[in-house]
Amino acid sequence: MADNRRLAQPSSTRPLVNEDLSPSTQLNTWFNVVTTQSTIIGEGSPEGVVPAVVTAEYMDLNGTAHNLMYRKRDADDGLGDTTKGWILV
């Protein structure tokens, strides 16, 4: 079965800010998820250069019709290097 990951909205029953107006834990967690799941934009291939989590997307501004989008397939190269594991999609 496919893993359908969606960006969940913050709960409407919990505050987004604390009494001192600092971001709540819920808001900080949501910001982290949004940042992690946003498309990364750059120039050139991300392989060996751009660290990311599995399922991340990267758009190459210098890419052409079939060399534009990459997806992070592998968590790392087996040695902990998270800049590896990108595939052209």
N, C-alpha and C. Protein backbone atom coordinates (compact mmCIF):
# COMPACT_ATOMS: atom_id res chain seq x y z
N MET A 1 0.84 -1.18 0.00
CA MET A 1 0.00 0.00 0.00
C MET A 1 0.89 1.25 0.00
N ALA A 2 0.50 2.23 -0.74
CA ALA A 2 1.27 3.47 -0.83
C ALA A 2 1.20 4.24 0.47
N ASP A 3 2.28 4.92 0.79
CA ASP A 3 2.34 5.77 1.97
C ASP A 3 1.88 7.17 1.56
N ASN A 4 0.63 7.50 1.87
CA ASN A 4 0.07 8.80 1.49
C ASN A 4 0.31 9.80 2.61
N ARG A 5 1.37 10.56 2.47
CA ARG A 5 1.71 11.55 3.48
C ARG A 5 1.09 12.88 3.10
N ARG A 6 0.42 13.47 4.04
CA ARG A 6 -0.19 14.78 3.82
C ARG A 6 0.26 15.71 4.91
N LEU A 7 0.29 16.95 4.57
CA LEU A 7 0.63 17.96 5.54
C LEU A 7 -0.62 18.27 6.35
N ALA A 8 -0.62 17.88 7.60
CA ALA A 8 -1.79 18.11 8.45
C ALA A 8 -1.82 19.55 8.92
N GLN A 9 -3.01 20.09 8.99
CA GLN A 9 -3.16 21.45 9.52
C GLN A 9 -3.00 21.41 11.03
N PRO A 10 -2.50 22.51 11.60
CA PRO A 10 -2.43 22.57 13.06
C PRO A 10 -3.84 22.45 13.66
N SER A 11 -3.92 21.88 14.83
CA SER A 11 -5.21 21.72 15.50
C SER A 11 -5.83 23.08 15.80
N SER A 12 -7.11 23.20 15.53
CA SER A 12 -7.81 24.46 15.82
C SER A 12 -8.20 24.57 17.29
N THR A 13 -8.00 23.49 18.05
CA THR A 13 -8.35 23.51 19.47
C THR A 13 -7.15 23.76 20.37
N ARG A 14 -5.96 23.90 19.78
CA ARG A 14 -4.76 24.16 20.56
C ARG A 14 -4.15 25.48 20.12
N PRO A 15 -3.61 26.25 21.05
CA PRO A 15 -3.05 27.55 20.69
C PRO A 15 -1.78 27.41 19.85
N LEU A 16 -1.59 28.36 18.95
CA LEU A 16 -0.39 28.39 18.11
C LEU A 16 0.74 29.17 18.77
N VAL A 17 0.39 30.00 19.73
CA VAL A 17 1.40 30.77 20.46
C VAL A 17 1.18 30.59 21.96
N ASN A 18 2.26 30.72 22.71
CA ASN A 18 2.19 30.65 24.16
C ASN A 18 1.73 32.00 24.71
N GLU A 19 1.50 32.05 26.01
CA GLU A 19 1.04 33.31 26.63
C GLU A 19 2.01 34.45 26.42
N ASP A 20 3.31 34.14 26.31
CA ASP A 20 4.31 35.20 26.09
C ASP A 20 4.48 35.52 24.60
N LEU A 21 3.57 34.98 23.77
CA LEU A 21 3.53 35.17 22.32
C LEU A 21 4.65 34.46 21.55
N SER A 22 5.38 33.59 22.23
CA SER A 22 6.37 32.76 21.53
C SER A 22 5.63 31.60 20.84
N PRO A 23 6.20 31.05 19.78
CA PRO A 23 5.53 29.95 19.08
C PRO A 23 5.35 28.73 19.99
N SER A 24 4.20 28.10 19.91
CA SER A 24 3.94 26.90 20.69
C SER A 24 4.71 25.72 20.10
N THR A 25 4.80 24.65 20.85
CA THR A 25 5.45 23.44 20.35
C THR A 25 4.74 22.95 19.10
N GLN A 26 3.41 23.03 19.09
CA GLN A 26 2.63 22.60 17.93
C GLN A 26 3.01 23.42 16.69
N LEU A 27 3.14 24.73 16.84
CA LEU A 27 3.48 25.58 15.70
C LEU A 27 4.91 25.31 15.23
N ASN A 28 5.83 25.16 16.15
CA ASN A 28 7.22 24.84 15.77
C ASN A 28 7.30 23.51 15.03
N THR A 29 6.55 22.52 15.49
CA THR A 29 6.52 21.22 14.82
C THR A 29 5.95 21.37 13.42
N TRP A 30 4.87 22.12 13.28
CA TRP A 30 4.25 22.33 11.97
C TRP A 30 5.20 23.05 11.02
N PHE A 31 5.88 24.10 11.51
CA PHE A 31 6.86 24.81 10.67
C PHE A 31 7.95 23.85 10.19
N ASN A 32 8.41 22.98 11.07
CA ASN A 32 9.45 22.01 10.70
C ASN A 32 8.96 21.09 9.59
N VAL A 33 7.73 20.61 9.71
CA VAL A 33 7.16 19.73 8.68
C VAL A 33 7.02 20.47 7.36
N VAL A 34 6.51 21.70 7.40
CA VAL A 34 6.35 22.49 6.17
C VAL A 34 7.70 22.71 5.50
N THR A 35 8.68 23.07 6.28
CA THR A 35 10.02 23.32 5.74
C THR A 35 10.61 22.06 5.13
N THR A 36 10.44 20.94 5.81
CA THR A 36 10.99 19.67 5.35
C THR A 36 10.32 19.20 4.06
N GLN A 37 9.01 19.47 3.91
CA GLN A 37 8.27 18.97 2.75
C GLN A 37 8.20 19.96 1.59
N SER A 38 8.75 21.13 1.73
CA SER A 38 8.74 22.10 0.64
C SER A 38 9.73 21.71 -0.44
N THR A 39 9.41 22.06 -1.68
CA THR A 39 10.32 21.79 -2.79
C THR A 39 11.59 22.63 -2.64
N ILE A 40 12.73 21.98 -2.78
CA ILE A 40 14.02 22.66 -2.73
C ILE A 40 14.33 23.14 -4.14
N ILE A 41 14.76 24.36 -4.29
CA ILE A 41 15.06 24.92 -5.60
C ILE A 41 16.54 25.29 -5.66
N GLY A 42 17.20 24.89 -6.72
CA GLY A 42 18.62 25.20 -6.87
C GLY A 42 19.05 25.09 -8.32
N GLU A 43 20.34 25.15 -8.53
CA GLU A 43 20.91 25.06 -9.87
C GLU A 43 21.86 23.88 -9.94
N GLY A 44 21.62 22.99 -10.87
CA GLY A 44 22.44 21.79 -11.01
C GLY A 44 21.85 20.62 -10.23
N SER A 45 22.47 19.48 -10.38
CA SER A 45 22.02 18.26 -9.71
C SER A 45 22.22 18.38 -8.19
N PRO A 46 21.26 17.88 -7.41
CA PRO A 46 21.42 17.91 -5.95
C PRO A 46 22.32 16.79 -5.42
N GLU A 47 22.58 15.78 -6.25
CA GLU A 47 23.33 14.60 -5.80
C GLU A 47 24.71 14.98 -5.27
N GLY A 48 24.95 14.60 -4.02
CA GLY A 48 26.22 14.88 -3.38
C GLY A 48 26.37 16.30 -2.87
N VAL A 49 25.31 17.11 -3.01
CA VAL A 49 25.39 18.53 -2.63
C VAL A 49 24.31 18.93 -1.63
N VAL A 50 23.07 18.49 -1.88
CA VAL A 50 21.92 18.95 -1.09
C VAL A 50 21.47 17.87 -0.12
N PRO A 51 21.57 18.12 1.20
CA PRO A 51 21.06 17.15 2.17
C PRO A 51 19.54 17.26 2.26
N ALA A 52 18.87 16.13 2.43
CA ALA A 52 17.41 16.15 2.54
C ALA A 52 16.92 14.83 3.11
N VAL A 53 15.63 14.81 3.46
CA VAL A 53 14.98 13.59 3.95
C VAL A 53 14.36 12.86 2.77
N VAL A 54 14.09 11.57 2.95
CA VAL A 54 13.44 10.76 1.92
C VAL A 54 12.11 11.40 1.53
N THR A 55 11.80 11.40 0.25
CA THR A 55 10.61 11.97 -0.41
C THR A 55 10.75 13.45 -0.72
N ALA A 56 11.84 14.09 -0.33
CA ALA A 56 12.02 15.51 -0.65
C ALA A 56 12.07 15.68 -2.17
N GLU A 57 11.65 16.86 -2.63
CA GLU A 57 11.70 17.19 -4.05
C GLU A 57 12.68 18.33 -4.27
N TYR A 58 13.33 18.30 -5.43
CA TYR A 58 14.30 19.33 -5.79
C TYR A 58 14.05 19.72 -7.24
N MET A 59 14.01 21.02 -7.51
CA MET A 59 13.84 21.52 -8.88
C MET A 59 15.12 22.22 -9.30
N ASP A 60 15.68 21.77 -10.42
CA ASP A 60 16.90 22.34 -10.98
C ASP A 60 16.52 23.49 -11.91
N LEU A 61 16.86 24.71 -11.52
CA LEU A 61 16.53 25.88 -12.34
C LEU A 61 17.24 25.87 -13.69
N ASN A 62 18.33 25.14 -13.79
CA ASN A 62 19.06 25.04 -15.06
C ASN A 62 18.62 23.83 -15.88
N GLY A 63 17.67 23.06 -15.36
CA GLY A 63 17.25 21.84 -16.03
C GLY A 63 16.45 22.10 -17.29
N THR A 64 16.36 21.06 -18.13
CA THR A 64 15.56 21.12 -19.34
C THR A 64 14.35 20.20 -19.16
N ALA A 65 13.55 20.05 -20.18
CA ALA A 65 12.27 19.33 -20.09
C ALA A 65 12.33 18.02 -19.31
N HIS A 66 13.31 17.18 -19.55
CA HIS A 66 13.35 15.88 -18.87
C HIS A 66 14.49 15.80 -17.85
N ASN A 67 15.05 16.92 -17.49
CA ASN A 67 16.12 16.97 -16.50
C ASN A 67 15.85 18.08 -15.50
N LEU A 68 14.67 18.08 -14.93
CA LEU A 68 14.25 19.21 -14.10
C LEU A 68 14.00 18.85 -12.64
N MET A 69 13.28 17.75 -12.40
CA MET A 69 12.86 17.40 -11.04
C MET A 69 13.58 16.15 -10.53
N TYR A 70 13.94 16.22 -9.26
CA TYR A 70 14.59 15.10 -8.57
C TYR A 70 13.76 14.76 -7.33
N ARG A 71 13.83 13.50 -6.92
CA ARG A 71 13.19 13.06 -5.69
C ARG A 71 14.22 12.32 -4.87
N LYS A 72 14.20 12.55 -3.57
CA LYS A 72 15.13 11.87 -2.65
C LYS A 72 14.57 10.50 -2.35
N ARG A 73 15.23 9.47 -2.86
CA ARG A 73 14.77 8.10 -2.70
C ARG A 73 15.41 7.41 -1.50
N ASP A 74 16.70 7.65 -1.31
CA ASP A 74 17.44 6.96 -0.26
C ASP A 74 17.77 7.93 0.88
N ALA A 75 17.68 7.44 2.10
CA ALA A 75 17.97 8.28 3.26
C ALA A 75 19.41 8.79 3.25
N ASP A 76 20.33 7.90 2.86
CA ASP A 76 21.74 8.27 2.79
C ASP A 76 22.47 7.24 1.93
N ASP A 77 23.77 7.34 1.89
CA ASP A 77 24.57 6.43 1.06
C ASP A 77 25.01 5.18 1.81
N GLY A 78 24.45 4.95 2.98
CA GLY A 78 24.84 3.81 3.80
C GLY A 78 25.93 4.17 4.80
N LEU A 79 26.52 5.34 4.61
CA LEU A 79 27.57 5.82 5.52
C LEU A 79 27.13 7.08 6.25
N GLY A 80 25.85 7.45 6.07
CA GLY A 80 25.33 8.63 6.76
C GLY A 80 25.33 9.91 5.96
N ASP A 81 25.76 9.87 4.70
CA ASP A 81 25.79 11.08 3.87
C ASP A 81 24.40 11.32 3.29
N THR A 82 23.67 12.28 3.84
CA THR A 82 22.29 12.56 3.41
C THR A 82 22.22 13.41 2.14
N THR A 83 23.37 13.74 1.55
CA THR A 83 23.36 14.45 0.27
C THR A 83 23.25 13.47 -0.90
N LYS A 84 23.34 12.18 -0.62
CA LYS A 84 23.25 11.15 -1.66
C LYS A 84 21.84 10.54 -1.67
N GLY A 85 21.48 9.92 -2.79
CA GLY A 85 20.20 9.22 -2.88
C GLY A 85 19.14 9.94 -3.69
N TRP A 86 19.53 10.94 -4.47
CA TRP A 86 18.59 11.66 -5.34
C TRP A 86 18.43 10.91 -6.65
N ILE A 87 17.20 10.88 -7.20
CA ILE A 87 16.96 10.31 -8.52
C ILE A 87 16.21 11.31 -9.37
N LEU A 88 16.50 11.31 -10.65
CA LEU A 88 15.83 12.18 -11.61
C LEU A 88 14.46 11.58 -11.90
N VAL A 89 13.41 12.38 -11.83
CA VAL A 89 12.05 11.88 -12.10
C VAL A 89 11.44 12.59 -13.29
